[in-house]
Amino acid sequence: MPDGALPHALMAQAARAHAERIALRFGERAWTFAEFDAAVNRLAAGLAQRFEKGARIALFMANCPEYLLLQCAIERAGLVRVPVNSRATAYELAEIVADCEPAALFYDRATSERARSAGIWSLRIDELSSVERDGTPPERAALDDLCSINYTSGTSGRPKGAMLSHRNWAALYRNMLIDRDIRGDDVLAHIGPLTHSSGTYFVPWFLRGATSVVVEGASVDNLLAAIERHRVTVFTCVPTVLTRIVNHPGLDRFDLSSLRWIGYGAEPIPRNTLDKALARFGPILSQNYGQTEAMMTCTTLPAAEHFVRGTSEPRVGCIGRPYTFVEIVLRSPDGKPVPAGEIGELTIRSDHVMLGYWRRPEETAKALREGWLWTGDLGRMDERGFITLAGRSKEMLISGGHNIYPAEVEAALTACPGILEAAVVAQADPDWGEIAVAFVSLAADTRIAADEIRAAVRPRLGIKTPKRIEIVAALPKTGNGKVDKKVLRERLA
């Protein structure tokens, strides 16, 4: 992607090139590339007329075509997009509104009650036509202008708004287009929240001329039906969703033969889920690692590298190697690089790293140091550059003088037959200082006691074996589908 090219300008160019092809489907509705671009233009013209350049515009809705139209129109109008997960509570929404002071909020029927409590100008998406205007919107955006404020999930504290410029987003799309297998004849299904990573995938596939299908209700049943109906070739999801897919009782009733690529990321994948997915779909899985602060494109593990070289053993816990235009160095707390095989914090330097946190100079100074983003994620890098995560630096616990990294323990637990998911958190202990407590959920047909699980993993984990294991019906999730360890720590407290 050439320097100076704004993503929305490239989208308009792609719309001309692929004018009559279908760009977007949702249920029985469909937009060609020309129709989508024209609708974005009308919205952008109306938004530019109503709001000053740089005004923040919050989007608070479930997955729908209007989200994608607004996402593109806001950028084209020189405004700043603030995506809010549709599952956010009224309190969480109020925190974001107070922090970034958006000039407007767009919402849907499901979020209407919470949206109206925000106390700012708001409009329900079925009234979008009242915003549209004919004509070409003024060119108000520059490459280094602020494009979006993306809030962290807040599982470890108050949410922070990561500021991403148009240049950051252009670099992100360049990374995807260079290092991901994105094709013009693809049909891409969106099941994850468009306010998060799923919405990020829309643009690079649009630039290639592919079709996006927004799955109604974002349910697994509807995804499987959409794959069969529209001959979907690609979808991405969090491991939690992939776990539900591979354990779906009616999975074999659907024709999924069109799939050529399944992406996953955002959290470690359970070993049993990985094994089942590879057995059911074949070697078409691709892992991706990114952060809100370095959106999406930090490392990738393509399908061809999912296995240890020369074996059929999958690289469990591995997040792959850096993208072509991304530098990653693992460092000790004093900033020095650690040797291969030793645990260090991932630090990232790339054009897609955020500008900083909105109105948080102290937090920005902690995260951005001498041109590098300190991610808070710990991992090991081998001699070939493959990185395996060990967990968050704040999650590491010290038990009896031994460092315990939750991701390693979770990987061992989810390798046990019948365990669907696992999450490990620390609990204060008078004898050990801290102990590892594991929460696990089981497959429907599994009967196993906590002591049996501990006995199964002890040969592999030794001193790192959890002192306590809680078997639960399901692990709590955040609004974007990740395991919510904050809730688990609160349970222990």
Protein backbone atom coordinates (compact mmCIF):
# COMPACT_ATOMS: atom_id res chain seq x y z
CA MET A 1 0.00 0.00 0.00
CA PRO A 2 1.77 3.20 -1.15
CA ASP A 3 2.64 5.91 1.34
CA GLY A 4 0.02 8.65 1.17
CA ALA A 5 -2.86 6.37 0.16
CA LEU A 6 -5.85 6.68 2.47
CA PRO A 7 -7.72 3.39 2.98
CA HIS A 8 -11.11 4.91 2.13
CA ALA A 9 -9.71 6.25 -1.17
CA LEU A 10 -8.43 2.79 -2.05
CA MET A 11 -11.85 1.35 -1.22
CA ALA A 12 -13.49 3.76 -3.66
CA GLN A 13 -10.95 2.65 -6.26
CA ALA A 14 -11.74 -1.02 -5.57
CA ALA A 15 -15.47 -0.29 -5.82
CA ARG A 16 -14.97 1.05 -9.34
CA ALA A 17 -12.91 -1.97 -10.34
CA HIS A 18 -15.42 -4.51 -9.01
CA ALA A 19 -18.57 -2.42 -9.45
CA GLU A 20 -21.08 -5.15 -10.38
CA ARG A 21 -19.81 -7.86 -8.06
CA ILE A 22 -21.46 -8.53 -4.70
CA ALA A 23 -19.54 -6.85 -1.89
CA LEU A 24 -21.81 -7.58 1.07
CA ARG A 25 -24.62 -9.94 2.03
CA PHE A 26 -26.87 -10.00 5.08
CA GLY A 27 -29.82 -12.36 5.01
CA GLU A 28 -31.77 -11.62 1.84
CA ARG A 29 -30.13 -8.21 1.37
CA ALA A 30 -27.11 -7.64 -0.86
CA TRP A 31 -24.98 -4.71 -2.07
CA THR A 32 -22.77 -4.61 -5.12
CA PHE A 33 -19.45 -2.81 -4.77
CA ALA A 34 -20.92 0.18 -6.61
CA GLU A 35 -24.02 0.25 -4.39
CA PHE A 36 -21.98 -0.06 -1.20
CA ASP A 37 -19.65 2.75 -2.23
CA ALA A 38 -22.55 5.01 -3.20
CA ALA A 39 -24.27 4.41 0.15
CA VAL A 40 -21.02 5.20 1.99
CA ASN A 41 -20.69 8.41 -0.02
CA ARG A 42 -24.19 9.56 0.89
CA LEU A 43 -23.62 8.86 4.56
CA ALA A 44 -20.20 10.51 4.54
CA ALA A 45 -21.63 13.63 2.87
CA GLY A 46 -24.33 13.88 5.52
CA LEU A 47 -21.96 13.25 8.41
CA ALA A 48 -19.45 15.81 7.13
CA GLN A 49 -22.22 18.38 6.87
CA ARG A 50 -23.42 17.72 10.42
CA PHE A 51 -20.13 17.23 12.36
CA GLU A 52 -16.82 19.08 12.48
CA LYS A 53 -13.68 17.33 11.31
CA GLY A 54 -12.21 15.09 14.03
CA ALA A 55 -15.46 14.71 15.98
CA ARG A 56 -15.78 11.33 17.68
CA ILE A 57 -18.67 9.13 16.53
CA ALA A 58 -19.58 6.09 18.65
CA LEU A 59 -21.03 2.92 17.10
CA PHE A 60 -23.01 0.75 19.51
CA MET A 61 -24.71 -2.08 17.69
CA ALA A 62 -24.68 -5.79 16.96
CA ASN A 63 -23.36 -7.14 13.66
CA CYS A 64 -25.26 -5.63 10.73
CA PRO A 65 -24.52 -4.03 7.33
CA GLU A 66 -25.13 -0.56 8.77
CA TYR A 67 -22.10 -0.94 11.00
CA LEU A 68 -19.82 -1.49 8.00
CA LEU A 69 -21.43 1.38 6.08
CA LEU A 70 -20.91 3.72 9.04
CA GLN A 71 -17.37 2.47 9.65
CA CYS A 72 -16.39 3.46 6.13
CA ALA A 73 -18.47 6.66 6.00
CA ILE A 74 -17.01 8.01 9.25
CA GLU A 75 -13.48 7.67 7.87
CA ARG A 76 -14.46 9.21 4.54
CA ALA A 77 -16.02 12.18 6.37
CA GLY A 78 -12.84 12.92 8.34
CA LEU A 79 -14.41 11.86 11.65
CA VAL A 80 -13.15 9.49 14.34
CA ARG A 81 -14.76 6.09 14.82
CA VAL A 82 -15.33 4.79 18.37
CA PRO A 83 -16.59 1.18 18.24
CA VAL A 84 -18.39 -0.06 21.36
CA ASN A 85 -19.20 -3.73 21.87
CA SER A 86 -22.95 -4.27 21.71
CA ARG A 87 -22.78 -6.29 24.93
CA ALA A 88 -21.35 -3.40 26.92
CA THR A 89 -23.39 -2.46 29.96
CA ALA A 90 -24.85 1.01 30.43
CA TYR A 91 -22.07 1.64 32.94
CA GLU A 92 -19.33 0.58 30.50
CA LEU A 93 -20.87 2.73 27.77
CA ALA A 94 -21.03 5.69 30.14
CA GLU A 95 -17.31 5.27 30.92
CA ILE A 96 -16.39 5.41 27.25
CA VAL A 97 -18.70 8.36 26.56
CA ALA A 98 -17.24 10.29 29.51
CA ASP A 99 -13.70 9.51 28.37
CA CYS A 100 -13.83 10.44 24.68
CA GLU A 101 -16.91 12.71 24.59
CA PRO A 102 -18.37 11.58 21.26
CA ALA A 103 -20.51 14.02 19.30
CA ALA A 104 -22.94 11.27 18.32
CA LEU A 105 -23.85 7.66 18.96
CA PHE A 106 -25.48 5.28 16.49
CA TYR A 107 -27.32 2.29 17.94
CA ASP A 108 -29.77 -0.51 17.10
CA ARG A 109 -32.96 -1.86 18.67
CA ALA A 110 -31.12 -4.18 21.05
CA THR A 111 -28.91 -1.40 22.45
CA SER A 112 -31.49 1.40 22.36
CA GLU A 113 -32.25 1.56 26.09
CA ARG A 114 -28.57 1.72 27.04
CA ALA A 115 -27.81 4.16 24.22
CA ARG A 116 -30.51 6.61 25.26
CA SER A 117 -29.02 6.76 28.74
CA ALA A 118 -25.71 8.06 27.31
CA GLY A 119 -26.99 11.63 27.23
CA ILE A 120 -25.61 12.55 23.79
CA TRP A 121 -27.08 12.97 20.29
CA SER A 122 -28.00 9.51 19.09
CA LEU A 123 -29.76 7.86 16.18
CA ARG A 124 -31.08 4.37 15.62
CA ILE A 125 -29.67 2.75 12.50
CA ASP A 126 -33.07 2.18 10.85
CA GLU A 127 -33.25 5.98 10.60
CA LEU A 128 -29.91 6.37 8.80
CA SER A 129 -31.58 7.76 5.68
CA SER A 130 -32.21 10.99 7.60
CA VAL A 131 -28.43 11.53 7.72
CA GLU A 132 -27.68 10.85 4.05
CA ARG A 133 -26.98 13.67 1.60
CA ASP A 134 -26.34 13.67 -2.14
CA GLY A 135 -23.00 14.78 -3.46
CA THR A 136 -19.35 14.03 -2.81
CA PRO A 137 -18.11 14.44 0.78
CA PRO A 138 -15.23 16.91 1.23
CA GLU A 139 -11.75 15.38 1.50
CA ARG A 140 -10.95 16.23 5.12
CA ALA A 141 -8.81 13.32 6.32
CA ALA A 142 -5.02 13.19 6.20
CA LEU A 143 -2.91 10.08 6.63
CA ASP A 144 -1.67 11.01 10.11
CA ASP A 145 -5.05 12.20 11.41
CA LEU A 146 -6.75 10.22 14.12
CA CYS A 147 -9.01 7.58 12.54
CA SER A 148 -10.36 5.55 15.46
CA ILE A 149 -10.29 5.16 19.22
CA ASN A 150 -10.49 1.47 20.09
CA TYR A 151 -11.05 0.68 23.74
CA THR A 152 -9.35 -2.21 25.47
CA SER A 153 -11.64 -4.79 27.02
CA GLY A 154 -10.87 -3.51 30.50
CA THR A 155 -10.55 -6.97 32.08
CA SER A 156 -7.55 -5.77 34.08
CA GLY A 157 -8.81 -2.30 34.92
CA ARG A 158 -10.50 0.77 33.50
CA PRO A 159 -10.74 0.63 29.67
CA LYS A 160 -8.16 2.67 27.76
CA GLY A 161 -8.72 4.14 24.30
CA ALA A 162 -6.00 3.18 21.83
CA MET A 163 -5.65 5.93 19.21
CA LEU A 164 -5.11 4.67 15.66
CA SER A 165 -4.41 6.96 12.72
CA HIS A 166 -5.32 6.43 9.07
CA ARG A 167 -1.63 5.56 8.57
CA ASN A 168 -1.89 2.88 11.29
CA TRP A 169 -4.89 1.33 9.54
CA ALA A 170 -3.20 1.55 6.13
CA ALA A 171 -0.19 -0.33 7.56
CA LEU A 172 -2.46 -2.95 9.07
CA TYR A 173 -4.23 -3.60 5.75
CA ARG A 174 -0.85 -3.73 3.97
CA ASN A 175 0.33 -6.35 6.45
CA MET A 176 -2.75 -8.49 5.81
CA LEU A 177 -2.61 -8.16 2.05
CA ILE A 178 1.07 -9.16 1.98
CA ASP A 179 1.14 -11.98 4.53
CA ARG A 180 -2.39 -13.42 4.53
CA ASP A 181 -3.85 -15.51 1.72
CA ILE A 182 -6.58 -13.05 0.70
CA ARG A 183 -8.23 -13.76 -2.66
CA GLY A 184 -10.68 -11.91 -4.87
CA ASP A 185 -12.94 -14.94 -5.30
CA ASP A 186 -13.28 -15.47 -1.54
CA VAL A 187 -16.55 -15.39 0.36
CA LEU A 188 -15.73 -14.20 3.89
CA ALA A 189 -18.14 -14.87 6.77
CA HIS A 190 -18.22 -12.49 9.76
CA ILE A 191 -19.31 -14.09 13.05
CA GLY A 192 -17.19 -12.17 15.58
CA PRO A 193 -18.09 -8.62 16.63
CA LEU A 194 -17.58 -6.14 13.81
CA THR A 195 -16.61 -3.66 16.53
CA HIS A 196 -13.51 -5.78 17.08
CA SER A 197 -11.32 -7.95 14.85
CA SER A 198 -14.04 -9.15 12.47
CA GLY A 199 -14.62 -5.61 11.24
CA THR A 200 -10.89 -5.29 10.60
CA TYR A 201 -10.99 -8.10 8.04
CA PHE A 202 -13.67 -6.39 5.93
CA VAL A 203 -11.42 -3.83 4.22
CA PRO A 204 -8.55 -6.01 2.90
CA TRP A 205 -11.00 -8.52 1.42
CA PHE A 206 -12.99 -5.60 -0.05
CA LEU A 207 -9.83 -4.28 -1.68
CA ARG A 208 -9.34 -7.67 -3.33
CA GLY A 209 -12.93 -7.73 -4.63
CA ALA A 210 -14.21 -10.50 -2.34
CA THR A 211 -17.71 -10.90 -0.88
CA SER A 212 -18.41 -10.46 2.84
CA VAL A 213 -21.32 -12.25 4.51
CA VAL A 214 -22.45 -10.89 7.88
CA VAL A 215 -23.88 -13.82 9.84
CA GLU A 216 -27.28 -12.99 11.30
CA GLY A 217 -27.31 -13.20 15.09
CA ALA A 218 -23.60 -14.15 15.04
CA SER A 219 -24.60 -17.70 16.03
CA VAL A 220 -22.76 -20.91 15.19
CA ASP A 221 -25.93 -22.44 13.69
CA ASN A 222 -26.33 -19.47 11.35
CA LEU A 223 -22.63 -19.54 10.47
CA LEU A 224 -22.80 -23.21 9.46
CA ALA A 225 -25.94 -22.54 7.41
CA ALA A 226 -24.30 -19.53 5.74
CA ILE A 227 -21.20 -21.55 4.82
CA GLU A 228 -23.39 -24.08 3.03
CA ARG A 229 -25.72 -21.54 1.40
CA HIS A 230 -23.15 -19.00 0.20
CA ARG A 231 -20.21 -21.37 -0.30
CA VAL A 232 -18.15 -19.48 2.24
CA THR A 233 -14.42 -20.00 1.77
CA VAL A 234 -13.04 -18.13 4.80
CA PHE A 235 -14.11 -17.24 8.32
CA THR A 236 -12.29 -16.12 11.44
CA CYS A 237 -13.26 -16.47 15.09
CA VAL A 238 -11.99 -16.66 18.65
CA PRO A 239 -11.08 -20.13 19.98
CA THR A 240 -14.24 -20.12 22.12
CA VAL A 241 -16.37 -20.10 18.97
CA LEU A 242 -14.20 -22.73 17.29
CA THR A 243 -14.69 -24.91 20.37
CA ARG A 244 -18.46 -24.61 19.94
CA ILE A 245 -18.19 -25.39 16.23
CA VAL A 246 -16.12 -28.58 16.54
CA ASN A 247 -18.39 -29.83 19.35
CA HIS A 248 -21.63 -28.91 17.56
CA PRO A 249 -23.91 -32.01 17.55
CA GLY A 250 -25.14 -31.32 14.01
CA LEU A 251 -21.82 -30.34 12.45
CA ASP A 252 -21.80 -33.19 9.91
CA ARG A 253 -25.25 -32.23 8.60
CA PHE A 254 -23.77 -29.18 6.86
CA ASP A 255 -21.80 -29.10 3.62
CA LEU A 256 -18.65 -27.22 4.62
CA SER A 257 -16.53 -28.38 1.70
CA SER A 258 -16.13 -24.82 0.35
CA LEU A 259 -13.93 -23.79 3.29
CA ARG A 260 -10.27 -23.29 2.42
CA TRP A 261 -9.10 -21.18 5.38
CA ILE A 262 -10.15 -20.79 9.03
CA GLY A 263 -8.52 -18.08 11.11
CA TYR A 264 -8.44 -17.92 14.90
CA GLY A 265 -6.79 -15.75 17.52
CA ALA A 266 -7.27 -13.31 20.44
CA GLU A 267 -6.49 -15.98 23.06
CA PRO A 268 -4.76 -19.39 23.31
CA ILE A 269 -6.61 -22.23 21.65
CA PRO A 270 -7.42 -25.33 23.75
CA ARG A 271 -5.42 -28.35 22.58
CA ASN A 272 -8.53 -30.52 22.22
CA THR A 273 -10.20 -27.85 20.06
CA LEU A 274 -7.13 -27.61 17.82
CA ASP A 275 -6.95 -31.40 17.41
CA LYS A 276 -10.66 -31.69 16.60
CA ALA A 277 -10.56 -28.78 14.13
CA LEU A 278 -7.56 -30.22 12.29
CA ALA A 279 -9.22 -33.65 12.17
CA ARG A 280 -12.53 -32.23 10.90
CA PHE A 281 -11.36 -29.54 8.47
CA GLY A 282 -7.82 -30.56 7.64
CA PRO A 283 -4.71 -28.35 7.73
CA ILE A 284 -6.49 -25.09 6.86
CA LEU A 285 -6.20 -23.33 10.23
CA SER A 286 -4.30 -20.05 10.55
CA GLN A 287 -3.41 -18.36 13.85
CA ASN A 288 -3.18 -14.59 14.24
CA TYR A 289 -1.91 -12.49 17.13
CA GLY A 290 -2.41 -8.79 17.69
CA GLN A 291 -3.43 -6.28 20.32
CA THR A 292 -5.76 -3.31 20.50
CA GLU A 293 -2.60 -1.20 20.68
CA ALA A 294 -1.10 -2.93 17.62
CA MET A 295 -4.26 -4.02 15.91
CA MET A 296 -4.40 -7.53 14.50
CA THR A 297 -1.15 -7.89 12.58
CA CYS A 298 1.75 -8.66 14.92
CA THR A 299 2.42 -12.35 14.28
CA THR A 300 0.81 -15.03 12.16
CA LEU A 301 1.04 -18.82 12.02
CA PRO A 302 -0.16 -19.91 8.57
CA ALA A 303 -1.63 -23.32 7.91
CA ALA A 304 1.60 -24.67 6.44
CA GLU A 305 3.51 -23.88 9.65
CA HIS A 306 0.98 -25.22 12.13
CA PHE A 307 3.05 -28.35 12.65
CA VAL A 308 6.54 -28.85 14.01
CA ARG A 309 8.77 -29.32 10.97
CA GLY A 310 8.94 -32.91 9.80
CA THR A 311 6.23 -34.12 12.21
CA SER A 312 2.45 -34.25 12.60
CA GLU A 313 2.66 -32.53 16.00
CA PRO A 314 0.87 -29.16 16.05
CA ARG A 315 2.63 -26.11 17.47
CA VAL A 316 0.43 -25.78 20.56
CA GLY A 317 0.44 -22.28 22.03
CA CYS A 318 2.52 -20.91 19.16
CA ILE A 319 1.47 -17.58 17.65
CA GLY A 320 3.81 -17.85 14.71
CA ARG A 321 6.36 -15.34 13.49
CA PRO A 322 6.20 -11.57 12.93
CA TYR A 323 4.55 -10.15 9.85
CA THR A 324 6.94 -8.97 7.13
CA PHE A 325 6.82 -5.30 8.19
CA VAL A 326 6.74 -5.93 11.96
CA GLU A 327 9.71 -6.18 14.34
CA ILE A 328 9.34 -8.12 17.60
CA VAL A 329 11.98 -8.39 20.31
CA LEU A 330 11.49 -10.29 23.57
CA ARG A 331 12.97 -8.35 26.48
CA SER A 332 13.69 -8.66 30.17
CA PRO A 333 12.30 -5.96 32.52
CA ASP A 334 15.50 -3.92 32.12
CA GLY A 335 14.88 -3.69 28.37
CA LYS A 336 17.61 -6.06 27.23
CA PRO A 337 16.75 -8.76 24.66
CA VAL A 338 16.51 -12.27 26.14
CA PRO A 339 18.26 -15.26 24.54
CA ALA A 340 16.31 -17.67 22.34
CA GLY A 341 14.18 -20.02 24.41
CA GLU A 342 13.96 -17.74 27.45
CA ILE A 343 10.82 -15.92 28.55
CA GLY A 344 10.60 -12.20 27.86
CA GLU A 345 8.01 -9.51 27.22
CA LEU A 346 7.02 -9.00 23.60
CA THR A 347 7.97 -5.53 22.36
CA ILE A 348 6.78 -4.41 18.92
CA ARG A 349 7.89 -1.80 16.42
CA SER A 350 5.75 -1.25 13.34
CA ASP A 351 3.79 1.38 11.42
CA HIS A 352 0.53 -0.03 12.76
CA VAL A 353 1.37 0.54 16.44
CA MET A 354 -1.00 3.04 18.06
CA LEU A 355 -0.30 6.74 18.56
CA GLY A 356 -0.98 6.36 22.29
CA TYR A 357 -3.89 6.19 24.72
CA TRP A 358 -6.57 8.86 24.51
CA ARG A 359 -5.95 11.44 27.24
CA ARG A 360 -3.65 9.03 29.14
CA PRO A 361 -0.10 10.42 28.84
CA GLU A 362 1.22 8.41 31.80
CA GLU A 363 -0.21 5.14 30.49
CA THR A 364 1.11 5.99 27.03
CA ALA A 365 4.61 6.55 28.41
CA LYS A 366 4.53 3.11 30.06
CA ALA A 367 3.43 1.34 26.89
CA LEU A 368 5.45 3.24 24.27
CA ARG A 369 9.16 3.47 25.00
CA GLU A 370 11.81 4.59 22.53
CA GLY A 371 9.66 3.62 19.57
CA TRP A 372 8.64 0.20 20.91
CA LEU A 373 5.27 -0.99 22.22
CA TRP A 374 5.61 -2.99 25.42
CA THR A 375 2.69 -5.41 25.10
CA GLY A 376 2.55 -6.95 28.57
CA ASP A 377 2.54 -10.39 26.91
CA LEU A 378 5.23 -12.89 27.84
CA GLY A 379 6.60 -15.54 25.54
CA ARG A 380 9.52 -17.55 24.22
CA MET A 381 11.06 -17.21 20.77
CA ASP A 382 12.99 -20.09 19.24
CA GLU A 383 15.94 -19.87 16.86
CA ARG A 384 13.64 -19.73 13.81
CA GLY A 385 11.57 -16.86 15.20
CA PHE A 386 8.49 -18.84 16.26
CA ILE A 387 6.92 -17.33 19.40
CA THR A 388 4.99 -19.25 22.05
CA LEU A 389 2.99 -17.22 24.54
CA ALA A 390 3.35 -17.81 28.27
CA GLY A 391 0.69 -15.34 29.41
CA ARG A 392 0.36 -11.74 30.52
CA SER A 393 3.12 -10.26 32.65
CA LYS A 394 0.53 -9.24 35.25
CA GLU A 395 -0.86 -12.80 35.30
CA MET A 396 2.43 -14.53 36.09
CA LEU A 397 2.33 -15.90 39.62
CA ILE A 398 5.09 -16.95 41.98
CA SER A 399 4.34 -20.03 44.02
CA GLY A 400 6.95 -21.23 46.50
CA GLY A 401 9.59 -19.24 44.61
CA HIS A 402 8.70 -20.74 41.21
CA ASN A 403 7.42 -18.67 38.29
CA ILE A 404 4.19 -20.08 36.89
CA TYR A 405 2.87 -18.90 33.53
CA PRO A 406 -0.88 -19.54 33.15
CA ALA A 407 -0.78 -20.16 29.39
CA GLU A 408 1.56 -23.13 29.83
CA VAL A 409 -0.67 -24.67 32.50
CA GLU A 410 -3.80 -24.05 30.41
CA ALA A 411 -2.20 -25.78 27.41
CA ALA A 412 -1.50 -28.88 29.53
CA LEU A 413 -5.03 -28.92 30.92
CA THR A 414 -6.76 -28.62 27.54
CA ALA A 415 -4.66 -31.51 26.24
CA CYS A 416 -6.53 -33.80 28.65
CA PRO A 417 -9.35 -35.74 26.95
CA GLY A 418 -12.76 -34.23 27.65
CA ILE A 419 -11.60 -30.77 28.77
CA LEU A 420 -13.06 -28.04 26.57
CA GLU A 421 -11.52 -24.93 28.09
CA ALA A 422 -9.27 -23.96 30.99
CA ALA A 423 -8.28 -20.74 32.69
CA VAL A 424 -5.65 -20.34 35.41
CA VAL A 425 -5.53 -17.47 37.90
CA ALA A 426 -3.57 -16.74 41.07
CA GLN A 427 -4.90 -16.90 44.63
CA ALA A 428 -3.04 -15.63 47.69
CA ASP A 429 -1.86 -18.42 49.98
CA PRO A 430 -0.20 -18.19 53.44
CA ASP A 431 2.18 -21.09 52.76
CA TRP A 432 3.05 -20.70 49.07
CA GLY A 433 2.60 -16.95 48.64
CA GLU A 434 0.36 -17.66 45.66
CA ILE A 435 -1.17 -20.80 44.23
CA ALA A 436 -2.46 -21.56 40.77
CA VAL A 437 -6.21 -22.16 40.65
CA ALA A 438 -7.58 -23.69 37.46
CA PHE A 439 -11.15 -23.40 36.23
CA VAL A 440 -12.07 -26.01 33.62
CA SER A 441 -15.18 -26.84 31.61
CA LEU A 442 -15.85 -30.36 30.34
CA ALA A 443 -17.39 -31.87 27.23
CA ALA A 444 -20.98 -33.01 27.65
CA ASP A 445 -20.09 -36.72 27.76
CA THR A 446 -17.09 -36.38 30.10
CA ARG A 447 -17.03 -37.48 33.73
CA ILE A 448 -13.76 -36.70 35.45
CA ALA A 449 -12.90 -35.45 38.93
CA ALA A 450 -10.53 -32.62 39.81
CA ASP A 451 -8.05 -35.03 41.44
CA GLU A 452 -7.95 -37.12 38.26
CA ILE A 453 -7.15 -34.01 36.21
CA ARG A 454 -4.36 -33.04 38.58
CA ALA A 455 -2.90 -36.54 38.37
CA ALA A 456 -3.04 -36.44 34.55
CA VAL A 457 -1.12 -33.17 34.20
CA ARG A 458 1.35 -33.57 37.09
CA PRO A 459 3.93 -35.55 35.04
CA ARG A 460 4.10 -32.66 32.57
CA LEU A 461 3.72 -29.70 34.95
CA GLY A 462 5.39 -30.88 38.16
CA ILE A 463 5.54 -27.99 40.65
CA LYS A 464 3.36 -25.91 38.29
CA THR A 465 0.40 -28.28 38.73
CA PRO A 466 -2.59 -26.26 40.02
CA LYS A 467 -3.13 -26.70 43.74
CA ARG A 468 -6.85 -26.34 43.16
CA ILE A 469 -9.08 -27.18 40.20
CA GLU A 470 -12.66 -25.99 39.92
CA ILE A 471 -14.91 -27.75 37.40
CA VAL A 472 -17.52 -25.32 36.04
CA ALA A 473 -20.31 -25.57 33.49
CA ALA A 474 -18.77 -22.81 31.38
CA LEU A 475 -16.07 -20.19 31.67
CA PRO A 476 -17.24 -16.55 31.81
CA LYS A 477 -16.60 -14.54 28.64
CA THR A 478 -16.06 -10.90 27.81
CA GLY A 479 -18.18 -9.16 25.19
CA ASN A 480 -15.76 -10.18 22.42
CA GLY A 481 -15.67 -13.84 23.39
CA LYS A 482 -12.46 -14.07 25.43
CA VAL A 483 -12.31 -15.84 28.79
CA ASP A 484 -12.95 -13.21 31.46
CA LYS A 485 -10.29 -13.83 34.11
CA LYS A 486 -11.36 -10.75 36.02
CA VAL A 487 -14.62 -12.50 36.87
CA LEU A 488 -12.72 -15.65 37.94
CA ARG A 489 -10.44 -13.63 40.22
CA GLU A 490 -13.49 -11.97 41.74
CA ARG A 491 -14.98 -15.40 42.45
CA LEU A 492 -11.86 -16.38 44.34
CA ALA A 493 -11.85 -13.11 46.26
